[in-house]
Amino acid sequence: MPALLVTALYVAALLITAALALTTGDLVPLWRLTVFAPMEEAVETTPQNVATMLLIGAPWACALWLCLRGPRTGTPPELTAQEQRLRVALYAAAASWLLYPIAPGWPWWAMVLDSLLMLAVALLFAPVLGDGLEYAGVARIAGVLAYGGGTVIAVTDELGVDLGLFTLACGLSQLIWMVLVLRAQRWDGRWPFVTYLYGITSLVLPMLVLAVGWMLVDAGSLYYSLAAAAGVLMATWLAQSAHDLADPRNRPVTPVPLPTEPAGPTTP
């Protein structure tokens, strides 16, 4: 119920402020709900910009609902210590992803914390996936380089040092880690196909938006906010992966013993 209430309030606010923008020309409330930044003077109140901001709000509404609702009700399965640690890391990283786009001007230490949380997820995912994770050594190295390198990049950016190719290597490593983990998760019975789709979408959609979004959006802030909204699906994948580990449907089914046939008459 709290997840439904929060999501319904956010969607209602989006629709009301969109109608307000189209009727009065006041774009500020809708801008605040989607871009989460001060209003740019150059942005005009056009149907195209209003529609773009509603597109930005849609992934946020989806993330609010899926992240806040928690796992299914019922008796959860007995989790191993590795699975419990992974769930905590997944929830913490999802919270960080949700807060990052709406907190402009994050200090460097907050970006370091975000990278360290994802590093914990990368290191804890491998033992939980077990033999289902092909090229496990490559996945570990890629995860450490992607998110451990992210902490280095955050510190060097604060110091004004440009690492150049190292930044590109970290981005490529993140892509490799995601592909390997999603491939293993797809065939692991603890995660349904829809969770795998969230992960694929979080991987593909931001790149698609960055590639073609400039053709649809005429304001720079809307363009980058649309890409950030696509990226928030990563939080959805993280939270849903944690929910699924505690899904009651993952409890092992106790086999029902077959009825024994009555013994027939013995022959002398």
C-alpha atoms as a PDB file:
ATOM      1  CA  MET A   1       0.000   0.000   0.000  1.00  0.00           C
ATOM      2  CA  PRO A   2       2.734   2.600   0.717  1.00  0.00           C
ATOM      3  CA  ALA A   3       4.284   1.881  -2.690  1.00  0.00           C
ATOM      4  CA  LEU A   4       0.890   2.198  -4.397  1.00  0.00           C
ATOM      5  CA  LEU A   5       0.135   5.448  -2.560  1.00  0.00           C
ATOM      6  CA  VAL A   6       3.484   7.084  -3.356  1.00  0.00           C
ATOM      7  CA  THR A   7       3.357   6.025  -7.008  1.00  0.00           C
ATOM      8  CA  ALA A   8      -0.270   7.138  -7.430  1.00  0.00           C
ATOM      9  CA  LEU A   9       0.511  10.542  -5.910  1.00  0.00           C
ATOM     10  CA  TYR A  10       3.492  10.995  -8.223  1.00  0.00           C
ATOM     11  CA  VAL A  11       1.502  10.015 -11.343  1.00  0.00           C
ATOM     12  CA  ALA A  12      -1.379  12.287 -10.334  1.00  0.00           C
ATOM     13  CA  ALA A  13       1.047  15.161  -9.814  1.00  0.00           C
ATOM     14  CA  LEU A  14       2.546  14.533 -13.267  1.00  0.00           C
ATOM     15  CA  LEU A  15      -0.849  14.628 -14.968  1.00  0.00           C
ATOM     16  CA  ILE A  16      -2.031  17.714 -13.073  1.00  0.00           C
ATOM     17  CA  THR A  17       1.147  19.717 -13.726  1.00  0.00           C
ATOM     18  CA  ALA A  18       1.141  18.645 -17.403  1.00  0.00           C
ATOM     19  CA  ALA A  19      -2.420  19.921 -17.788  1.00  0.00           C
ATOM     20  CA  LEU A  20      -1.424  23.102 -15.969  1.00  0.00           C
ATOM     21  CA  ALA A  21       1.496  23.616 -18.332  1.00  0.00           C
ATOM     22  CA  LEU A  22      -0.641  23.177 -21.447  1.00  0.00           C
ATOM     23  CA  THR A  23      -3.438  25.466 -20.230  1.00  0.00           C
ATOM     24  CA  THR A  24      -1.518  28.246 -18.472  1.00  0.00           C
ATOM     25  CA  GLY A  25       1.964  27.934 -19.952  1.00  0.00           C
ATOM     26  CA  ASP A  26       3.539  27.472 -16.504  1.00  0.00           C
ATOM     27  CA  LEU A  27       6.089  24.688 -17.005  1.00  0.00           C
ATOM     28  CA  VAL A  28       7.900  25.065 -13.677  1.00  0.00           C
ATOM     29  CA  PRO A  29       5.923  22.497 -11.566  1.00  0.00           C
ATOM     30  CA  LEU A  30       6.212  19.771 -14.217  1.00  0.00           C
ATOM     31  CA  TRP A  31       9.888  20.600 -14.704  1.00  0.00           C
ATOM     32  CA  ARG A  32      10.536  20.257 -10.985  1.00  0.00           C
ATOM     33  CA  LEU A  33       8.819  16.836 -10.890  1.00  0.00           C
ATOM     34  CA  THR A  34      10.795  15.391 -13.805  1.00  0.00           C
ATOM     35  CA  VAL A  35      14.059  17.254 -14.383  1.00  0.00           C
ATOM     36  CA  PHE A  36      14.621  17.907 -10.634  1.00  0.00           C
ATOM     37  CA  ALA A  37      16.521  21.111 -11.363  1.00  0.00           C
ATOM     38  CA  PRO A  38      15.855  24.850 -11.621  1.00  0.00           C
ATOM     39  CA  MET A  39      13.841  25.845 -14.669  1.00  0.00           C
ATOM     40  CA  GLU A  40      15.808  26.992 -17.715  1.00  0.00           C
ATOM     41  CA  GLU A  41      14.605  30.288 -19.173  1.00  0.00           C
ATOM     42  CA  ALA A  42      15.163  29.180 -22.771  1.00  0.00           C
ATOM     43  CA  VAL A  43      12.754  26.235 -22.552  1.00  0.00           C
ATOM     44  CA  GLU A  44       9.379  26.934 -24.110  1.00  0.00           C
ATOM     45  CA  THR A  45       6.065  25.431 -23.055  1.00  0.00           C
ATOM     46  CA  THR A  46       5.354  23.330 -26.121  1.00  0.00           C
ATOM     47  CA  PRO A  47       3.388  20.076 -26.419  1.00  0.00           C
ATOM     48  CA  GLN A  48       6.639  18.372 -27.435  1.00  0.00           C
ATOM     49  CA  ASN A  49       8.447  19.465 -24.264  1.00  0.00           C
ATOM     50  CA  VAL A  50       5.468  18.539 -22.069  1.00  0.00           C
ATOM     51  CA  ALA A  51       5.299  15.080 -23.699  1.00  0.00           C
ATOM     52  CA  THR A  52       9.057  14.645 -23.190  1.00  0.00           C
ATOM     53  CA  MET A  53       8.764  15.439 -19.507  1.00  0.00           C
ATOM     54  CA  LEU A  54       5.944  12.923 -19.160  1.00  0.00           C
ATOM     55  CA  LEU A  55       8.243  10.361 -20.803  1.00  0.00           C
ATOM     56  CA  ILE A  56      10.890  11.248 -18.230  1.00  0.00           C
ATOM     57  CA  GLY A  57       8.378  10.756 -15.421  1.00  0.00           C
ATOM     58  CA  ALA A  58       7.223   7.321 -16.601  1.00  0.00           C
ATOM     59  CA  PRO A  59      10.405   5.387 -15.619  1.00  0.00           C
ATOM     60  CA  TRP A  60      10.450   7.245 -12.299  1.00  0.00           C
ATOM     61  CA  ALA A  61       6.908   6.107 -11.552  1.00  0.00           C
ATOM     62  CA  CYS A  62       7.806   2.544 -12.548  1.00  0.00           C
ATOM     63  CA  ALA A  63      10.894   2.604 -10.325  1.00  0.00           C
ATOM     64  CA  LEU A  64       8.943   3.974  -7.348  1.00  0.00           C
ATOM     65  CA  TRP A  65       6.349   1.215  -7.610  1.00  0.00           C
ATOM     66  CA  LEU A  66       8.741  -1.685  -8.163  1.00  0.00           C
ATOM     67  CA  CYS A  67      11.360  -0.581  -5.637  1.00  0.00           C
ATOM     68  CA  LEU A  68       9.027   0.339  -2.785  1.00  0.00           C
ATOM     69  CA  ARG A  69       6.566  -2.547  -2.975  1.00  0.00           C
ATOM     70  CA  GLY A  70       9.030  -5.151  -1.654  1.00  0.00           C
ATOM     71  CA  PRO A  71       8.950  -8.912  -2.250  1.00  0.00           C
ATOM     72  CA  ARG A  72       5.764 -10.951  -2.451  1.00  0.00           C
ATOM     73  CA  THR A  73       3.997 -11.701   0.790  1.00  0.00           C
ATOM     74  CA  GLY A  74       4.304 -15.145   2.253  1.00  0.00           C
ATOM     75  CA  THR A  75       6.928 -17.207   3.987  1.00  0.00           C
ATOM     76  CA  PRO A  76      10.247 -16.432   2.279  1.00  0.00           C
ATOM     77  CA  PRO A  77      12.744 -19.144   1.457  1.00  0.00           C
ATOM     78  CA  GLU A  78      15.676 -19.772   3.747  1.00  0.00           C
ATOM     79  CA  LEU A  79      18.493 -17.679   2.305  1.00  0.00           C
ATOM     80  CA  THR A  80      22.163 -18.479   2.609  1.00  0.00           C
ATOM     81  CA  ALA A  81      24.493 -15.940   4.154  1.00  0.00           C
ATOM     82  CA  GLN A  82      25.765 -15.057   0.671  1.00  0.00           C
ATOM     83  CA  GLU A  83      22.224 -14.405  -0.593  1.00  0.00           C
ATOM     84  CA  GLN A  84      21.406 -12.259   2.439  1.00  0.00           C
ATOM     85  CA  ARG A  85      24.500 -10.107   1.925  1.00  0.00           C
ATOM     86  CA  LEU A  86      23.697  -9.747  -1.765  1.00  0.00           C
ATOM     87  CA  ARG A  87      20.132  -8.598  -0.975  1.00  0.00           C
ATOM     88  CA  VAL A  88      21.420  -5.882   1.360  1.00  0.00           C
ATOM     89  CA  ALA A  89      23.922  -4.694  -1.255  1.00  0.00           C
ATOM     90  CA  LEU A  90      21.269  -4.692  -4.005  1.00  0.00           C
ATOM     91  CA  TYR A  91      18.858  -2.597  -1.948  1.00  0.00           C
ATOM     92  CA  ALA A  92      21.571  -0.140  -0.940  1.00  0.00           C
ATOM     93  CA  ALA A  93      22.743   0.273  -4.531  1.00  0.00           C
ATOM     94  CA  ALA A  94      19.151   0.713  -5.758  1.00  0.00           C
ATOM     95  CA  ALA A  95      18.573   3.480  -3.207  1.00  0.00           C
ATOM     96  CA  SER A  96      21.728   5.202  -4.404  1.00  0.00           C
ATOM     97  CA  TRP A  97      20.598   5.029  -8.046  1.00  0.00           C
ATOM     98  CA  LEU A  98      17.237   6.584  -7.123  1.00  0.00           C
ATOM     99  CA  LEU A  99      18.812   9.425  -5.167  1.00  0.00           C
ATOM    100  CA  TYR A 100      21.617  10.283  -7.572  1.00  0.00           C
ATOM    101  CA  PRO A 101      19.616  11.970 -10.373  1.00  0.00           C
ATOM    102  CA  ILE A 102      17.452  14.004  -7.976  1.00  0.00           C
ATOM    103  CA  ALA A 103      20.359  15.318  -5.903  1.00  0.00           C
ATOM    104  CA  PRO A 104      22.147  17.824  -8.165  1.00  0.00           C
ATOM    105  CA  GLY A 105      25.682  18.706  -7.235  1.00  0.00           C
ATOM    106  CA  TRP A 106      26.545  15.481  -5.459  1.00  0.00           C
ATOM    107  CA  PRO A 107      29.943  15.761  -3.760  1.00  0.00           C
ATOM    108  CA  TRP A 108      32.741  13.497  -4.886  1.00  0.00           C
ATOM    109  CA  TRP A 109      32.483  11.333  -1.772  1.00  0.00           C
ATOM    110  CA  ALA A 110      28.844  10.524  -2.565  1.00  0.00           C
ATOM    111  CA  MET A 111      29.874   9.325  -6.029  1.00  0.00           C
ATOM    112  CA  VAL A 112      32.596   7.230  -4.388  1.00  0.00           C
ATOM    113  CA  LEU A 113      29.983   5.690  -2.072  1.00  0.00           C
ATOM    114  CA  ASP A 114      27.747   4.912  -5.057  1.00  0.00           C
ATOM    115  CA  SER A 115      30.609   3.157  -6.858  1.00  0.00           C
ATOM    116  CA  LEU A 116      31.564   1.197  -3.739  1.00  0.00           C
ATOM    117  CA  LEU A 117      27.978  -0.039  -3.337  1.00  0.00           C
ATOM    118  CA  MET A 118      27.963  -1.291  -6.933  1.00  0.00           C
ATOM    119  CA  LEU A 119      31.389  -2.853  -6.349  1.00  0.00           C
ATOM    120  CA  ALA A 120      29.895  -4.796  -3.432  1.00  0.00           C
ATOM    121  CA  VAL A 121      27.054  -5.964  -5.703  1.00  0.00           C
ATOM    122  CA  ALA A 122      29.557  -7.075  -8.348  1.00  0.00           C
ATOM    123  CA  LEU A 123      31.620  -9.061  -5.842  1.00  0.00           C
ATOM    124  CA  LEU A 124      28.620 -10.651  -4.088  1.00  0.00           C
ATOM    125  CA  PHE A 125      26.721 -11.625  -7.244  1.00  0.00           C
ATOM    126  CA  ALA A 126      29.353 -14.110  -8.428  1.00  0.00           C
ATOM    127  CA  PRO A 127      29.169 -16.606  -5.511  1.00  0.00           C
ATOM    128  CA  VAL A 128      25.347 -16.476  -5.492  1.00  0.00           C
ATOM    129  CA  LEU A 129      25.167 -17.257  -9.203  1.00  0.00           C
ATOM    130  CA  GLY A 130      27.700 -20.066  -8.726  1.00  0.00           C
ATOM    131  CA  ASP A 131      28.378 -22.284 -11.712  1.00  0.00           C
ATOM    132  CA  GLY A 132      25.675 -20.475 -13.706  1.00  0.00           C
ATOM    133  CA  LEU A 133      28.029 -17.527 -14.166  1.00  0.00           C
ATOM    134  CA  GLU A 134      30.149 -18.365 -17.180  1.00  0.00           C
ATOM    135  CA  TYR A 135      33.570 -16.709 -17.393  1.00  0.00           C
ATOM    136  CA  ALA A 136      33.311 -15.965 -13.673  1.00  0.00           C
ATOM    137  CA  GLY A 137      36.899 -14.745 -13.525  1.00  0.00           C
ATOM    138  CA  VAL A 138      36.277 -12.274 -16.340  1.00  0.00           C
ATOM    139  CA  ALA A 139      33.092 -11.094 -14.611  1.00  0.00           C
ATOM    140  CA  ARG A 140      34.931 -10.441 -11.342  1.00  0.00           C
ATOM    141  CA  ILE A 141      37.732  -8.534 -13.059  1.00  0.00           C
ATOM    142  CA  ALA A 142      35.234  -6.512 -15.107  1.00  0.00           C
ATOM    143  CA  GLY A 143      33.178  -5.682 -12.006  1.00  0.00           C
ATOM    144  CA  VAL A 144      36.212  -4.567 -10.011  1.00  0.00           C
ATOM    145  CA  LEU A 145      37.525  -2.450 -12.890  1.00  0.00           C
ATOM    146  CA  ALA A 146      34.105  -0.944 -13.618  1.00  0.00           C
ATOM    147  CA  TYR A 147      33.108   0.071 -10.120  1.00  0.00           C
ATOM    148  CA  GLY A 148      36.443   0.118  -8.338  1.00  0.00           C
ATOM    149  CA  GLY A 149      37.651   2.300 -11.189  1.00  0.00           C
ATOM    150  CA  GLY A 150      34.564   4.464 -10.665  1.00  0.00           C
ATOM    151  CA  THR A 151      35.842   5.434  -7.220  1.00  0.00           C
ATOM    152  CA  VAL A 152      39.192   6.418  -8.732  1.00  0.00           C
ATOM    153  CA  ILE A 153      37.475   8.493 -11.423  1.00  0.00           C
ATOM    154  CA  ALA A 154      35.346  10.305  -8.829  1.00  0.00           C
ATOM    155  CA  VAL A 155      38.430  11.272  -6.811  1.00  0.00           C
ATOM    156  CA  THR A 156      40.519  12.305  -9.826  1.00  0.00           C
ATOM    157  CA  ASP A 157      37.646  14.391 -11.226  1.00  0.00           C
ATOM    158  CA  GLU A 158      37.567  16.269  -7.940  1.00  0.00           C
ATOM    159  CA  LEU A 159      41.300  16.875  -8.291  1.00  0.00           C
ATOM    160  CA  GLY A 160      40.900  18.007 -11.891  1.00  0.00           C
ATOM    161  CA  VAL A 161      42.765  15.042 -13.406  1.00  0.00           C
ATOM    162  CA  ASP A 162      41.478  13.607 -16.696  1.00  0.00           C
ATOM    163  CA  LEU A 163      42.120   9.855 -16.914  1.00  0.00           C
ATOM    164  CA  GLY A 164      41.061   9.604 -20.559  1.00  0.00           C
ATOM    165  CA  LEU A 165      41.220   5.990 -21.762  1.00  0.00           C
ATOM    166  CA  PHE A 166      40.896   4.625 -18.231  1.00  0.00           C
ATOM    167  CA  THR A 167      37.393   6.113 -18.026  1.00  0.00           C
ATOM    168  CA  LEU A 168      36.513   4.425 -21.321  1.00  0.00           C
ATOM    169  CA  ALA A 169      37.898   1.108 -20.031  1.00  0.00           C
ATOM    170  CA  CYS A 170      35.732   1.363 -16.906  1.00  0.00           C
ATOM    171  CA  GLY A 171      32.620   1.967 -19.005  1.00  0.00           C
ATOM    172  CA  LEU A 172      33.408  -1.021 -21.224  1.00  0.00           C
ATOM    173  CA  SER A 173      34.041  -3.185 -18.151  1.00  0.00           C
ATOM    174  CA  GLN A 174      30.643  -2.225 -16.749  1.00  0.00           C
ATOM    175  CA  LEU A 175      29.019  -3.354 -19.997  1.00  0.00           C
ATOM    176  CA  ILE A 176      30.881  -6.691 -19.903  1.00  0.00           C
ATOM    177  CA  TRP A 177      29.911  -7.307 -16.274  1.00  0.00           C
ATOM    178  CA  MET A 178      26.254  -6.558 -16.910  1.00  0.00           C
ATOM    179  CA  VAL A 179      26.104  -8.849 -19.949  1.00  0.00           C
ATOM    180  CA  LEU A 180      27.698 -11.787 -18.104  1.00  0.00           C
ATOM    181  CA  VAL A 181      25.535 -11.377 -14.994  1.00  0.00           C
ATOM    182  CA  LEU A 182      22.312 -10.983 -16.973  1.00  0.00           C
ATOM    183  CA  ARG A 183      23.182 -14.044 -19.043  1.00  0.00           C
ATOM    184  CA  ALA A 184      23.572 -16.102 -15.873  1.00  0.00           C
ATOM    185  CA  GLN A 185      20.489 -14.583 -14.245  1.00  0.00           C
ATOM    186  CA  ARG A 186      18.362 -15.435 -17.280  1.00  0.00           C
ATOM    187  CA  TRP A 187      18.729 -19.179 -16.678  1.00  0.00           C
ATOM    188  CA  ASP A 188      18.717 -19.078 -12.872  1.00  0.00           C
ATOM    189  CA  GLY A 189      15.353 -20.199 -11.525  1.00  0.00           C
ATOM    190  CA  ARG A 190      15.412 -17.696  -8.672  1.00  0.00           C
ATOM    191  CA  TRP A 191      14.803 -14.769 -11.029  1.00  0.00           C
ATOM    192  CA  PRO A 192      11.805 -14.614 -13.392  1.00  0.00           C
ATOM    193  CA  PHE A 193      12.110 -13.509 -16.994  1.00  0.00           C
ATOM    194  CA  VAL A 194      10.659 -10.062 -16.257  1.00  0.00           C
ATOM    195  CA  THR A 195      13.589  -9.230 -13.951  1.00  0.00           C
ATOM    196  CA  TYR A 196      15.968 -10.176 -16.753  1.00  0.00           C
ATOM    197  CA  LEU A 197      14.027  -7.811 -19.041  1.00  0.00           C
ATOM    198  CA  TYR A 198      14.465  -4.967 -16.549  1.00  0.00           C
ATOM    199  CA  GLY A 199      18.202  -5.556 -16.654  1.00  0.00           C
ATOM    200  CA  ILE A 200      18.331  -5.683 -20.458  1.00  0.00           C
ATOM    201  CA  THR A 201      16.245  -2.508 -20.700  1.00  0.00           C
ATOM    202  CA  SER A 202      18.481  -0.688 -18.208  1.00  0.00           C
ATOM    203  CA  LEU A 203      21.439  -1.656 -20.383  1.00  0.00           C
ATOM    204  CA  VAL A 204      20.024  -0.811 -23.816  1.00  0.00           C
ATOM    205  CA  LEU A 205      17.608   2.080 -23.288  1.00  0.00           C
ATOM    206  CA  PRO A 206      20.109   4.699 -21.998  1.00  0.00           C
ATOM    207  CA  MET A 207      22.382   4.039 -24.980  1.00  0.00           C
ATOM    208  CA  LEU A 208      19.396   4.321 -27.330  1.00  0.00           C
ATOM    209  CA  VAL A 209      18.328   7.603 -25.739  1.00  0.00           C
ATOM    210  CA  LEU A 210      21.831   9.035 -25.999  1.00  0.00           C
ATOM    211  CA  ALA A 211      21.978   7.989 -29.647  1.00  0.00           C
ATOM    212  CA  VAL A 212      18.629   9.317 -30.904  1.00  0.00           C
ATOM    213  CA  GLY A 213      17.265  11.491 -28.089  1.00  0.00           C
ATOM    214  CA  TRP A 214      18.741  14.665 -29.557  1.00  0.00           C
ATOM    215  CA  MET A 215      16.373  14.312 -32.521  1.00  0.00           C
ATOM    216  CA  LEU A 216      13.338  14.433 -30.213  1.00  0.00           C
ATOM    217  CA  VAL A 217      14.388  16.926 -27.547  1.00  0.00           C
ATOM    218  CA  ASP A 218      15.294  20.540 -28.232  1.00  0.00           C
ATOM    219  CA  ALA A 219      16.531  21.431 -24.727  1.00  0.00           C
ATOM    220  CA  GLY A 220      19.815  20.189 -23.330  1.00  0.00           C
ATOM    221  CA  SER A 221      18.509  19.577 -19.812  1.00  0.00           C
ATOM    222  CA  LEU A 222      15.590  17.550 -21.127  1.00  0.00           C
ATOM    223  CA  TYR A 223      17.955  15.453 -23.231  1.00  0.00           C
ATOM    224  CA  TYR A 224      20.175  14.540 -20.289  1.00  0.00           C
ATOM    225  CA  SER A 225      17.197  14.094 -17.968  1.00  0.00           C
ATOM    226  CA  LEU A 226      15.633  11.676 -20.450  1.00  0.00           C
ATOM    227  CA  ALA A 227      18.865   9.672 -20.431  1.00  0.00           C
ATOM    228  CA  ALA A 228      18.939   9.754 -16.602  1.00  0.00           C
ATOM    229  CA  ALA A 229      15.334   8.546 -16.469  1.00  0.00           C
ATOM    230  CA  ALA A 230      16.250   5.641 -18.721  1.00  0.00           C
ATOM    231  CA  GLY A 231      19.172   4.892 -16.420  1.00  0.00           C
ATOM    232  CA  VAL A 232      16.910   4.755 -13.370  1.00  0.00           C
ATOM    233  CA  LEU A 233      15.694   1.396 -14.690  1.00  0.00           C
ATOM    234  CA  MET A 234      19.000   0.119 -13.299  1.00  0.00           C
ATOM    235  CA  ALA A 235      17.584   0.782  -9.832  1.00  0.00           C
ATOM    236  CA  THR A 236      14.493  -1.188 -10.819  1.00  0.00           C
ATOM    237  CA  TRP A 237      16.620  -4.167 -11.842  1.00  0.00           C
ATOM    238  CA  LEU A 238      18.663  -4.009  -8.633  1.00  0.00           C
ATOM    239  CA  ALA A 239      15.620  -3.803  -6.369  1.00  0.00           C
ATOM    240  CA  GLN A 240      13.668  -6.458  -8.266  1.00  0.00           C
ATOM    241  CA  SER A 241      16.649  -8.815  -8.135  1.00  0.00           C
ATOM    242  CA  ALA A 242      16.661  -8.390  -4.352  1.00  0.00           C
ATOM    243  CA  HIS A 243      12.885  -8.897  -4.131  1.00  0.00           C
ATOM    244  CA  ASP A 244      13.089 -12.139  -6.105  1.00  0.00           C
ATOM    245  CA  LEU A 245      15.617 -13.691  -3.751  1.00  0.00           C
ATOM    246  CA  ALA A 246      12.981 -13.533  -0.995  1.00  0.00           C
ATOM    247  CA  ASP A 247      10.085 -14.568  -3.237  1.00  0.00           C
ATOM    248  CA  PRO A 248       7.997 -17.275  -1.490  1.00  0.00           C
ATOM    249  CA  ARG A 249       7.708 -19.053  -4.849  1.00  0.00           C
ATOM    250  CA  ASN A 250      11.413 -19.872  -4.579  1.00  0.00           C
ATOM    251  CA  ARG A 251      10.794 -22.153  -1.598  1.00  0.00           C
ATOM    252  CA  PRO A 252      11.633 -25.750  -2.423  1.00  0.00           C
ATOM    253  CA  VAL A 253       8.551 -27.873  -2.861  1.00  0.00           C
ATOM    254  CA  THR A 254       8.394 -30.865  -0.547  1.00  0.00           C
ATOM    255  CA  PRO A 255       7.631 -33.933  -2.652  1.00  0.00           C
ATOM    256  CA  VAL A 256       4.385 -35.654  -1.782  1.00  0.00           C
ATOM    257  CA  PRO A 257       4.963 -39.363  -1.102  1.00  0.00           C
ATOM    258  CA  LEU A 258       3.116 -41.664  -3.458  1.00  0.00           C
ATOM    259  CA  PRO A 259       0.484 -43.881  -1.848  1.00  0.00           C
ATOM    260  CA  THR A 260       1.735 -47.394  -1.287  1.00  0.00           C
ATOM    261  CA  GLU A 261      -0.163 -50.158  -3.019  1.00  0.00           C
ATOM    262  CA  PRO A 262      -1.753 -52.730  -0.703  1.00  0.00           C
ATOM    263  CA  ALA A 263       0.075 -56.002  -0.679  1.00  0.00           C
ATOM    264  CA  GLY A 264      -1.613 -58.745  -2.692  1.00  0.00           C
ATOM    265  CA  PRO A 265      -2.523 -62.180  -1.354  1.00  0.00           C
ATOM    266  CA  THR A 266       0.381 -64.470  -0.866  1.00  0.00           C
ATOM    267  CA  THR A 267       0.472 -67.785  -2.709  1.00  0.00           C
ATOM    268  CA  PRO A 268       1.287 -70.947  -0.829  1.00  0.00           C
END
